[in-house]
Amino acid sequence: MVRKRSATQQGRHQGVDPHSPARDGVASVRDMFERLFAAYGPRDWWPGDSIFEIMVGAVLTQNTAWTNVEKAICNLKRAKALSPQAIVDAHPRRLANLIRPSGYFNVKTRRLRALCAWLLAQGGIKKLAKMDTEPLRLALLSVHGVGRETADDILLYAFERPVFVIDAYTRRIFTRLGMIAGTEDYETLRGMFEEVLGADVALYNEYHALIVRHGKDICRKKPRCNSCCLAAVCPSCGEAGGPRPILIQ
């Protein structure tokens, strides 16, 4: 199973210390990571037996829970259909039935087939892995059904590139923290986080996973502030005390 080492395991050699105090007395982006990591521990994302499986998972996880993705991937494995050629060759109705647990299965069938046809046309994963990050990102974005978040999931978790993933949880959490306005476009937010954190695959991997956990369980549309590990520094919470967090002065 493909597993990435956590930021505590990989980060120190790159100057990342998840347990270091916030600098200048201001709750920083790194401080948010430290608080989330202390609350939830390592997430060990992204599970998968291969780079291709992670890529498939990145498409199937669109608008659904990971538990549903696991069921769909298990179906593909049992049917011996978890390869680019097998997915391209499969009848669309059969493929849709196999991935049905992931939801939106007709849409995702078209997207998976497009991704796999593109993979085969590009010469396979080994050839793609030799590409620089930005050209690879642009190539992924050219595939039907692959948007910025999905492309960056693939870059970070499958190809281990230092690309920070922005999702709805990131926007919600950091808007409530007062660190962003919430109206920034995807590329602006991605650039902001990457500039502050530096290029660190292990840290990005762990941080995104922690954000997803916190957004699903605590910082929901109707937040559970009484159980929030960020409450002490969140200006949107009644318990906020201390300085207002700042991402960019």
C-alpha atoms as a PDB file:
ATOM      1  CA  MET A   1       0.000   0.000   0.000  1.00  0.00           C
ATOM      2  CA  VAL A   2       1.313   3.419  -0.946  1.00  0.00           C
ATOM      3  CA  ARG A   3       1.777   5.424   2.234  1.00  0.00           C
ATOM      4  CA  LYS A   4       3.439   8.783   2.668  1.00  0.00           C
ATOM      5  CA  ARG A   5       5.431   9.471   5.806  1.00  0.00           C
ATOM      6  CA  SER A   6       3.878  12.110   8.013  1.00  0.00           C
ATOM      7  CA  ALA A   7       5.254  15.614   8.408  1.00  0.00           C
ATOM      8  CA  THR A   8       6.678  14.642  11.780  1.00  0.00           C
ATOM      9  CA  GLN A   9       8.653  11.872  10.095  1.00  0.00           C
ATOM     10  CA  GLN A  10       9.731  13.713   6.943  1.00  0.00           C
ATOM     11  CA  GLY A  11       9.482  17.373   7.773  1.00  0.00           C
ATOM     12  CA  ARG A  12      12.418  17.942  10.101  1.00  0.00           C
ATOM     13  CA  HIS A  13      15.090  17.435   7.458  1.00  0.00           C
ATOM     14  CA  GLN A  14      13.372  20.204   5.466  1.00  0.00           C
ATOM     15  CA  GLY A  15      13.260  22.588   8.409  1.00  0.00           C
ATOM     16  CA  VAL A  16       9.690  21.750   9.420  1.00  0.00           C
ATOM     17  CA  ASP A  17       9.058  21.218  13.107  1.00  0.00           C
ATOM     18  CA  PRO A  18       5.344  20.602  13.716  1.00  0.00           C
ATOM     19  CA  HIS A  19       5.814  21.264  17.415  1.00  0.00           C
ATOM     20  CA  SER A  20       7.623  24.608  17.182  1.00  0.00           C
ATOM     21  CA  PRO A  21       5.859  27.659  18.681  1.00  0.00           C
ATOM     22  CA  ALA A  22       4.226  30.273  16.475  1.00  0.00           C
ATOM     23  CA  ARG A  23       6.632  33.010  15.486  1.00  0.00           C
ATOM     24  CA  ASP A  24       6.304  36.641  16.637  1.00  0.00           C
ATOM     25  CA  GLY A  25       3.416  35.760  18.939  1.00  0.00           C
ATOM     26  CA  VAL A  26       1.012  35.660  16.007  1.00  0.00           C
ATOM     27  CA  ALA A  27      -1.053  32.580  15.274  1.00  0.00           C
ATOM     28  CA  SER A  28       0.391  31.527  11.924  1.00  0.00           C
ATOM     29  CA  VAL A  29      -0.443  29.023   9.222  1.00  0.00           C
ATOM     30  CA  ARG A  30       2.145  26.703  10.754  1.00  0.00           C
ATOM     31  CA  ASP A  31       0.608  27.228  14.179  1.00  0.00           C
ATOM     32  CA  MET A  32      -2.717  26.039  12.770  1.00  0.00           C
ATOM     33  CA  PHE A  33      -0.980  22.908  11.514  1.00  0.00           C
ATOM     34  CA  GLU A  34       0.556  22.299  14.926  1.00  0.00           C
ATOM     35  CA  ARG A  35      -2.789  22.642  16.674  1.00  0.00           C
ATOM     36  CA  LEU A  36      -4.533  20.336  14.215  1.00  0.00           C
ATOM     37  CA  PHE A  37      -1.733  17.770  14.379  1.00  0.00           C
ATOM     38  CA  ALA A  38      -1.800  17.808  18.188  1.00  0.00           C
ATOM     39  CA  ALA A  39      -5.562  17.200  18.100  1.00  0.00           C
ATOM     40  CA  TYR A  40      -5.742  14.496  15.427  1.00  0.00           C
ATOM     41  CA  GLY A  41      -2.263  13.019  14.971  1.00  0.00           C
ATOM     42  CA  PRO A  42      -0.881  11.749  11.638  1.00  0.00           C
ATOM     43  CA  ARG A  43      -3.494  11.007   8.966  1.00  0.00           C
ATOM     44  CA  ASP A  44      -1.300   8.774   6.732  1.00  0.00           C
ATOM     45  CA  TRP A  45      -2.939   9.885   3.493  1.00  0.00           C
ATOM     46  CA  TRP A  46      -3.382   8.740   0.710  1.00  0.00           C
ATOM     47  CA  PRO A  47      -3.976   4.976   0.917  1.00  0.00           C
ATOM     48  CA  GLY A  48      -3.514   3.071  -2.316  1.00  0.00           C
ATOM     49  CA  ASP A  49      -1.689   0.089  -3.783  1.00  0.00           C
ATOM     50  CA  SER A  50      -0.312   2.084  -6.719  1.00  0.00           C
ATOM     51  CA  ILE A  51      -0.025   5.543  -8.243  1.00  0.00           C
ATOM     52  CA  PHE A  52      -2.803   4.618 -10.651  1.00  0.00           C
ATOM     53  CA  GLU A  53      -5.114   3.613  -7.813  1.00  0.00           C
ATOM     54  CA  ILE A  54      -4.520   6.992  -6.164  1.00  0.00           C
ATOM     55  CA  MET A  55      -5.377   8.724  -9.445  1.00  0.00           C
ATOM     56  CA  VAL A  56      -8.591   6.731  -9.743  1.00  0.00           C
ATOM     57  CA  GLY A  57      -9.411   7.572  -6.132  1.00  0.00           C
ATOM     58  CA  ALA A  58      -8.915  11.281  -6.821  1.00  0.00           C
ATOM     59  CA  VAL A  59     -11.645  11.141  -9.471  1.00  0.00           C
ATOM     60  CA  LEU A  60     -14.006   8.892  -7.527  1.00  0.00           C
ATOM     61  CA  THR A  61     -13.780  10.973  -4.340  1.00  0.00           C
ATOM     62  CA  GLN A  62     -15.361  13.992  -6.037  1.00  0.00           C
ATOM     63  CA  ASN A  63     -18.526  14.857  -4.059  1.00  0.00           C
ATOM     64  CA  THR A  64     -18.500  11.741  -1.908  1.00  0.00           C
ATOM     65  CA  ALA A  65     -17.010  10.216   1.238  1.00  0.00           C
ATOM     66  CA  TRP A  66     -13.834   8.138   1.033  1.00  0.00           C
ATOM     67  CA  THR A  67     -15.628   5.059   2.407  1.00  0.00           C
ATOM     68  CA  ASN A  68     -17.734   5.034  -0.770  1.00  0.00           C
ATOM     69  CA  VAL A  69     -14.604   5.335  -2.901  1.00  0.00           C
ATOM     70  CA  GLU A  70     -13.079   2.314  -1.172  1.00  0.00           C
ATOM     71  CA  LYS A  71     -16.130   0.226  -2.081  1.00  0.00           C
ATOM     72  CA  ALA A  72     -15.891   1.281  -5.717  1.00  0.00           C
ATOM     73  CA  ILE A  73     -12.164   0.530  -5.887  1.00  0.00           C
ATOM     74  CA  CYS A  74     -12.741  -2.887  -4.301  1.00  0.00           C
ATOM     75  CA  ASN A  75     -15.310  -3.605  -7.024  1.00  0.00           C
ATOM     76  CA  LEU A  76     -12.797  -2.647  -9.713  1.00  0.00           C
ATOM     77  CA  LYS A  77     -10.156  -4.890  -8.166  1.00  0.00           C
ATOM     78  CA  ARG A  78     -12.493  -7.867  -7.890  1.00  0.00           C
ATOM     79  CA  ALA A  79     -13.478  -7.406 -11.528  1.00  0.00           C
ATOM     80  CA  LYS A  80      -9.791  -7.119 -12.522  1.00  0.00           C
ATOM     81  CA  ALA A  81     -10.659  -3.746 -14.008  1.00  0.00           C
ATOM     82  CA  LEU A  82      -8.224  -1.516 -12.120  1.00  0.00           C
ATOM     83  CA  SER A  83      -5.853  -0.613 -14.938  1.00  0.00           C
ATOM     84  CA  PRO A  84      -5.974   2.100 -17.615  1.00  0.00           C
ATOM     85  CA  GLN A  85      -6.495  -0.388 -20.437  1.00  0.00           C
ATOM     86  CA  ALA A  86      -9.170  -2.361 -18.569  1.00  0.00           C
ATOM     87  CA  ILE A  87     -11.146   0.796 -17.811  1.00  0.00           C
ATOM     88  CA  VAL A  88     -10.931   2.038 -21.402  1.00  0.00           C
ATOM     89  CA  ASP A  89     -11.983  -1.394 -22.703  1.00  0.00           C
ATOM     90  CA  ALA A  90     -14.855  -1.862 -20.235  1.00  0.00           C
ATOM     91  CA  HIS A  91     -18.385  -1.225 -21.438  1.00  0.00           C
ATOM     92  CA  PRO A  92     -19.542   2.089 -19.929  1.00  0.00           C
ATOM     93  CA  ARG A  93     -22.581   0.467 -18.281  1.00  0.00           C
ATOM     94  CA  ARG A  94     -20.411  -2.209 -16.670  1.00  0.00           C
ATOM     95  CA  LEU A  95     -17.912   0.370 -15.435  1.00  0.00           C
ATOM     96  CA  ALA A  96     -20.712   2.559 -14.069  1.00  0.00           C
ATOM     97  CA  ASN A  97     -22.088  -0.401 -12.146  1.00  0.00           C
ATOM     98  CA  LEU A  98     -18.672  -1.176 -10.646  1.00  0.00           C
ATOM     99  CA  ILE A  99     -18.149   2.374  -9.398  1.00  0.00           C
ATOM    100  CA  ARG A 100     -21.791   2.919  -8.393  1.00  0.00           C
ATOM    101  CA  PRO A 101     -20.956   3.164  -4.633  1.00  0.00           C
ATOM    102  CA  SER A 102     -19.008   6.386  -5.290  1.00  0.00           C
ATOM    103  CA  GLY A 103     -22.115   8.216  -6.530  1.00  0.00           C
ATOM    104  CA  TYR A 104     -22.573  10.229  -9.747  1.00  0.00           C
ATOM    105  CA  PHE A 105     -21.412   7.027 -11.393  1.00  0.00           C
ATOM    106  CA  ASN A 106     -22.366   7.945 -14.969  1.00  0.00           C
ATOM    107  CA  VAL A 107     -20.451  11.219 -14.763  1.00  0.00           C
ATOM    108  CA  LYS A 108     -17.481   9.530 -13.099  1.00  0.00           C
ATOM    109  CA  THR A 109     -17.498   6.759 -15.695  1.00  0.00           C
ATOM    110  CA  ARG A 110     -16.916   9.344 -18.424  1.00  0.00           C
ATOM    111  CA  ARG A 111     -14.232  11.050 -16.347  1.00  0.00           C
ATOM    112  CA  LEU A 112     -12.396   7.816 -15.530  1.00  0.00           C
ATOM    113  CA  ARG A 113     -12.441   6.716 -19.154  1.00  0.00           C
ATOM    114  CA  ALA A 114     -11.102  10.124 -20.217  1.00  0.00           C
ATOM    115  CA  LEU A 115      -8.323   9.981 -17.621  1.00  0.00           C
ATOM    116  CA  CYS A 116      -7.305   6.467 -18.638  1.00  0.00           C
ATOM    117  CA  ALA A 117      -7.396   7.222 -22.364  1.00  0.00           C
ATOM    118  CA  TRP A 118      -5.182  10.234 -21.681  1.00  0.00           C
ATOM    119  CA  LEU A 119      -2.783   8.133 -19.577  1.00  0.00           C
ATOM    120  CA  LEU A 120      -2.396   5.609 -22.365  1.00  0.00           C
ATOM    121  CA  ALA A 121      -1.931   8.328 -24.987  1.00  0.00           C
ATOM    122  CA  GLN A 122       0.788   9.944 -22.861  1.00  0.00           C
ATOM    123  CA  GLY A 123       2.755   6.706 -22.626  1.00  0.00           C
ATOM    124  CA  GLY A 124       1.855   5.738 -19.070  1.00  0.00           C
ATOM    125  CA  ILE A 125       2.630   6.855 -15.542  1.00  0.00           C
ATOM    126  CA  LYS A 126       6.410   6.337 -15.730  1.00  0.00           C
ATOM    127  CA  LYS A 127       6.653   8.805 -18.586  1.00  0.00           C
ATOM    128  CA  LEU A 128       4.412  11.317 -16.822  1.00  0.00           C
ATOM    129  CA  ALA A 129       6.512  11.045 -13.658  1.00  0.00           C
ATOM    130  CA  LYS A 130       9.481  12.484 -15.570  1.00  0.00           C
ATOM    131  CA  MET A 131       7.622  15.705 -16.356  1.00  0.00           C
ATOM    132  CA  ASP A 132       8.169  18.902 -14.403  1.00  0.00           C
ATOM    133  CA  THR A 133       5.347  19.812 -12.047  1.00  0.00           C
ATOM    134  CA  GLU A 134       3.781  22.751 -13.900  1.00  0.00           C
ATOM    135  CA  PRO A 135       3.634  21.070 -17.341  1.00  0.00           C
ATOM    136  CA  LEU A 136       2.230  17.945 -15.682  1.00  0.00           C
ATOM    137  CA  ARG A 137      -0.394  20.031 -13.892  1.00  0.00           C
ATOM    138  CA  LEU A 138      -1.428  21.727 -17.126  1.00  0.00           C
ATOM    139  CA  ALA A 139      -1.635  18.344 -18.843  1.00  0.00           C
ATOM    140  CA  LEU A 140      -3.854  16.956 -16.069  1.00  0.00           C
ATOM    141  CA  LEU A 141      -6.111  19.997 -16.282  1.00  0.00           C
ATOM    142  CA  SER A 142      -6.638  19.284 -19.977  1.00  0.00           C
ATOM    143  CA  VAL A 143      -8.354  15.981 -19.123  1.00  0.00           C
ATOM    144  CA  HIS A 144     -12.163  15.944 -19.067  1.00  0.00           C
ATOM    145  CA  GLY A 145     -13.432  16.048 -15.485  1.00  0.00           C
ATOM    146  CA  VAL A 146     -10.105  16.929 -13.877  1.00  0.00           C
ATOM    147  CA  GLY A 147     -10.349  20.307 -12.176  1.00  0.00           C
ATOM    148  CA  ARG A 148      -7.772  22.115 -10.084  1.00  0.00           C
ATOM    149  CA  GLU A 149      -8.488  20.285  -6.826  1.00  0.00           C
ATOM    150  CA  THR A 150      -8.434  16.849  -8.468  1.00  0.00           C
ATOM    151  CA  ALA A 151      -5.275  17.675 -10.423  1.00  0.00           C
ATOM    152  CA  ASP A 152      -3.536  18.872  -7.270  1.00  0.00           C
ATOM    153  CA  ASP A 153      -4.675  15.796  -5.320  1.00  0.00           C
ATOM    154  CA  ILE A 154      -3.025  13.679  -8.014  1.00  0.00           C
ATOM    155  CA  LEU A 155       0.131  15.792  -8.063  1.00  0.00           C
ATOM    156  CA  LEU A 156       0.551  15.766  -4.287  1.00  0.00           C
ATOM    157  CA  TYR A 157      -0.499  12.245  -3.360  1.00  0.00           C
ATOM    158  CA  ALA A 158       0.318  10.235  -6.498  1.00  0.00           C
ATOM    159  CA  PHE A 159       3.358  12.047  -7.917  1.00  0.00           C
ATOM    160  CA  GLU A 160       4.592  13.536  -4.601  1.00  0.00           C
ATOM    161  CA  ARG A 161       4.903  17.084  -5.927  1.00  0.00           C
ATOM    162  CA  PRO A 162       4.857  20.133  -3.602  1.00  0.00           C
ATOM    163  CA  VAL A 163       1.414  21.402  -4.604  1.00  0.00           C
ATOM    164  CA  PHE A 164      -0.943  22.545  -1.844  1.00  0.00           C
ATOM    165  CA  VAL A 165      -4.527  21.355  -2.336  1.00  0.00           C
ATOM    166  CA  ILE A 166      -7.315  23.884  -1.813  1.00  0.00           C
ATOM    167  CA  ASP A 167     -10.816  22.609  -1.103  1.00  0.00           C
ATOM    168  CA  ALA A 168     -14.069  23.843   0.429  1.00  0.00           C
ATOM    169  CA  TYR A 169     -12.852  22.928   3.929  1.00  0.00           C
ATOM    170  CA  THR A 170      -9.722  25.053   3.479  1.00  0.00           C
ATOM    171  CA  ARG A 171     -11.803  28.062   2.469  1.00  0.00           C
ATOM    172  CA  ARG A 172     -14.285  27.624   5.307  1.00  0.00           C
ATOM    173  CA  ILE A 173     -11.743  27.060   8.076  1.00  0.00           C
ATOM    174  CA  PHE A 174      -9.317  29.804   7.127  1.00  0.00           C
ATOM    175  CA  THR A 175     -12.068  32.319   6.398  1.00  0.00           C
ATOM    176  CA  ARG A 176     -13.461  31.744   9.884  1.00  0.00           C
ATOM    177  CA  LEU A 177      -9.959  32.088  11.297  1.00  0.00           C
ATOM    178  CA  GLY A 178      -9.699  35.478   9.616  1.00  0.00           C
ATOM    179  CA  MET A 179      -6.673  34.407   7.589  1.00  0.00           C
ATOM    180  CA  ILE A 180      -8.306  34.869   4.189  1.00  0.00           C
ATOM    181  CA  ALA A 181     -11.209  36.880   2.845  1.00  0.00           C
ATOM    182  CA  GLY A 182     -12.816  33.785   1.369  1.00  0.00           C
ATOM    183  CA  THR A 183     -13.281  35.405  -2.040  1.00  0.00           C
ATOM    184  CA  GLU A 184      -9.813  34.602  -3.409  1.00  0.00           C
ATOM    185  CA  ASP A 185      -9.640  32.370  -6.474  1.00  0.00           C
ATOM    186  CA  TYR A 186      -8.092  28.908  -6.308  1.00  0.00           C
ATOM    187  CA  GLU A 187      -4.697  29.835  -7.728  1.00  0.00           C
ATOM    188  CA  THR A 188      -4.322  32.813  -5.405  1.00  0.00           C
ATOM    189  CA  LEU A 189      -5.028  30.707  -2.318  1.00  0.00           C
ATOM    190  CA  ARG A 190      -2.734  27.914  -3.458  1.00  0.00           C
ATOM    191  CA  GLY A 191       0.067  30.405  -4.009  1.00  0.00           C
ATOM    192  CA  MET A 192      -0.480  31.993  -0.595  1.00  0.00           C
ATOM    193  CA  PHE A 193      -0.190  28.697   1.277  1.00  0.00           C
ATOM    194  CA  GLU A 194       2.790  27.525  -0.757  1.00  0.00           C
ATOM    195  CA  GLU A 195       4.633  30.795  -0.168  1.00  0.00           C
ATOM    196  CA  VAL A 196       4.058  30.677   3.591  1.00  0.00           C
ATOM    197  CA  LEU A 197       4.815  26.967   4.060  1.00  0.00           C
ATOM    198  CA  GLY A 198       7.618  26.489   1.537  1.00  0.00           C
ATOM    199  CA  ALA A 199       7.877  23.532  -0.835  1.00  0.00           C
ATOM    200  CA  ASP A 200       7.321  20.525   1.439  1.00  0.00           C
ATOM    201  CA  VAL A 201       5.466  17.469   0.137  1.00  0.00           C
ATOM    202  CA  ALA A 202       5.216  15.797   3.549  1.00  0.00           C
ATOM    203  CA  LEU A 203       3.820  18.908   5.218  1.00  0.00           C
ATOM    204  CA  TYR A 204       1.302  19.564   2.427  1.00  0.00           C
ATOM    205  CA  ASN A 205       0.213  15.926   2.543  1.00  0.00           C
ATOM    206  CA  GLU A 206      -0.412  15.962   6.283  1.00  0.00           C
ATOM    207  CA  TYR A 207      -1.871  19.459   6.416  1.00  0.00           C
ATOM    208  CA  HIS A 208      -4.505  18.851   3.752  1.00  0.00           C
ATOM    209  CA  ALA A 209      -5.548  15.613   5.439  1.00  0.00           C
ATOM    210  CA  LEU A 210      -5.870  17.393   8.794  1.00  0.00           C
ATOM    211  CA  ILE A 211      -7.930  20.176   7.215  1.00  0.00           C
ATOM    212  CA  VAL A 212     -10.320  17.600   5.743  1.00  0.00           C
ATOM    213  CA  ARG A 213     -10.670  15.842   9.101  1.00  0.00           C
ATOM    214  CA  HIS A 214     -11.324  19.115  10.949  1.00  0.00           C
ATOM    215  CA  GLY A 215     -13.733  20.401   8.311  1.00  0.00           C
ATOM    216  CA  LYS A 216     -15.783  17.207   8.292  1.00  0.00           C
ATOM    217  CA  ASP A 217     -15.945  16.689  12.046  1.00  0.00           C
ATOM    218  CA  ILE A 218     -15.747  20.122  13.671  1.00  0.00           C
ATOM    219  CA  CYS A 219     -15.698  23.165  11.381  1.00  0.00           C
ATOM    220  CA  ARG A 220     -18.871  22.200   9.564  1.00  0.00           C
ATOM    221  CA  LYS A 221     -21.348  24.584   7.961  1.00  0.00           C
ATOM    222  CA  LYS A 222     -22.834  24.649  11.457  1.00  0.00           C
ATOM    223  CA  PRO A 223     -19.577  24.570  13.461  1.00  0.00           C
ATOM    224  CA  ARG A 224     -19.009  22.654  16.686  1.00  0.00           C
ATOM    225  CA  CYS A 225     -16.969  25.426  18.288  1.00  0.00           C
ATOM    226  CA  ASN A 226     -17.092  23.917  21.779  1.00  0.00           C
ATOM    227  CA  SER A 227     -15.031  20.971  20.498  1.00  0.00           C
ATOM    228  CA  CYS A 228     -12.648  22.967  18.289  1.00  0.00           C
ATOM    229  CA  CYS A 229      -8.889  22.789  18.842  1.00  0.00           C
ATOM    230  CA  LEU A 230      -8.574  26.178  17.086  1.00  0.00           C
ATOM    231  CA  ALA A 231     -11.175  27.970  19.214  1.00  0.00           C
ATOM    232  CA  ALA A 232      -8.624  29.915  21.259  1.00  0.00           C
ATOM    233  CA  VAL A 233      -7.322  31.719  18.168  1.00  0.00           C
ATOM    234  CA  CYS A 234     -10.484  31.843  16.053  1.00  0.00           C
ATOM    235  CA  PRO A 235     -12.143  35.277  15.818  1.00  0.00           C
ATOM    236  CA  SER A 236     -15.343  33.603  14.621  1.00  0.00           C
ATOM    237  CA  CYS A 237     -15.650  31.670  17.874  1.00  0.00           C
ATOM    238  CA  GLY A 238     -17.016  33.059  21.119  1.00  0.00           C
ATOM    239  CA  GLU A 239     -14.011  31.610  22.941  1.00  0.00           C
ATOM    240  CA  ALA A 240     -11.483  33.469  20.794  1.00  0.00           C
ATOM    241  CA  GLY A 241      -8.894  35.264  22.820  1.00  0.00           C
ATOM    242  CA  GLY A 242      -5.360  36.302  21.824  1.00  0.00           C
ATOM    243  CA  PRO A 243      -4.209  37.804  18.547  1.00  0.00           C
ATOM    244  CA  ARG A 244      -6.142  37.656  15.316  1.00  0.00           C
ATOM    245  CA  PRO A 245      -4.438  35.140  13.022  1.00  0.00           C
ATOM    246  CA  ILE A 246      -2.719  36.673  10.014  1.00  0.00           C
ATOM    247  CA  LEU A 247      -1.697  34.904   6.816  1.00  0.00           C
ATOM    248  CA  ILE A 248      -0.356  37.823   4.817  1.00  0.00           C
ATOM    249  CA  GLN A 249       0.304  41.303   6.216  1.00  0.00           C
END
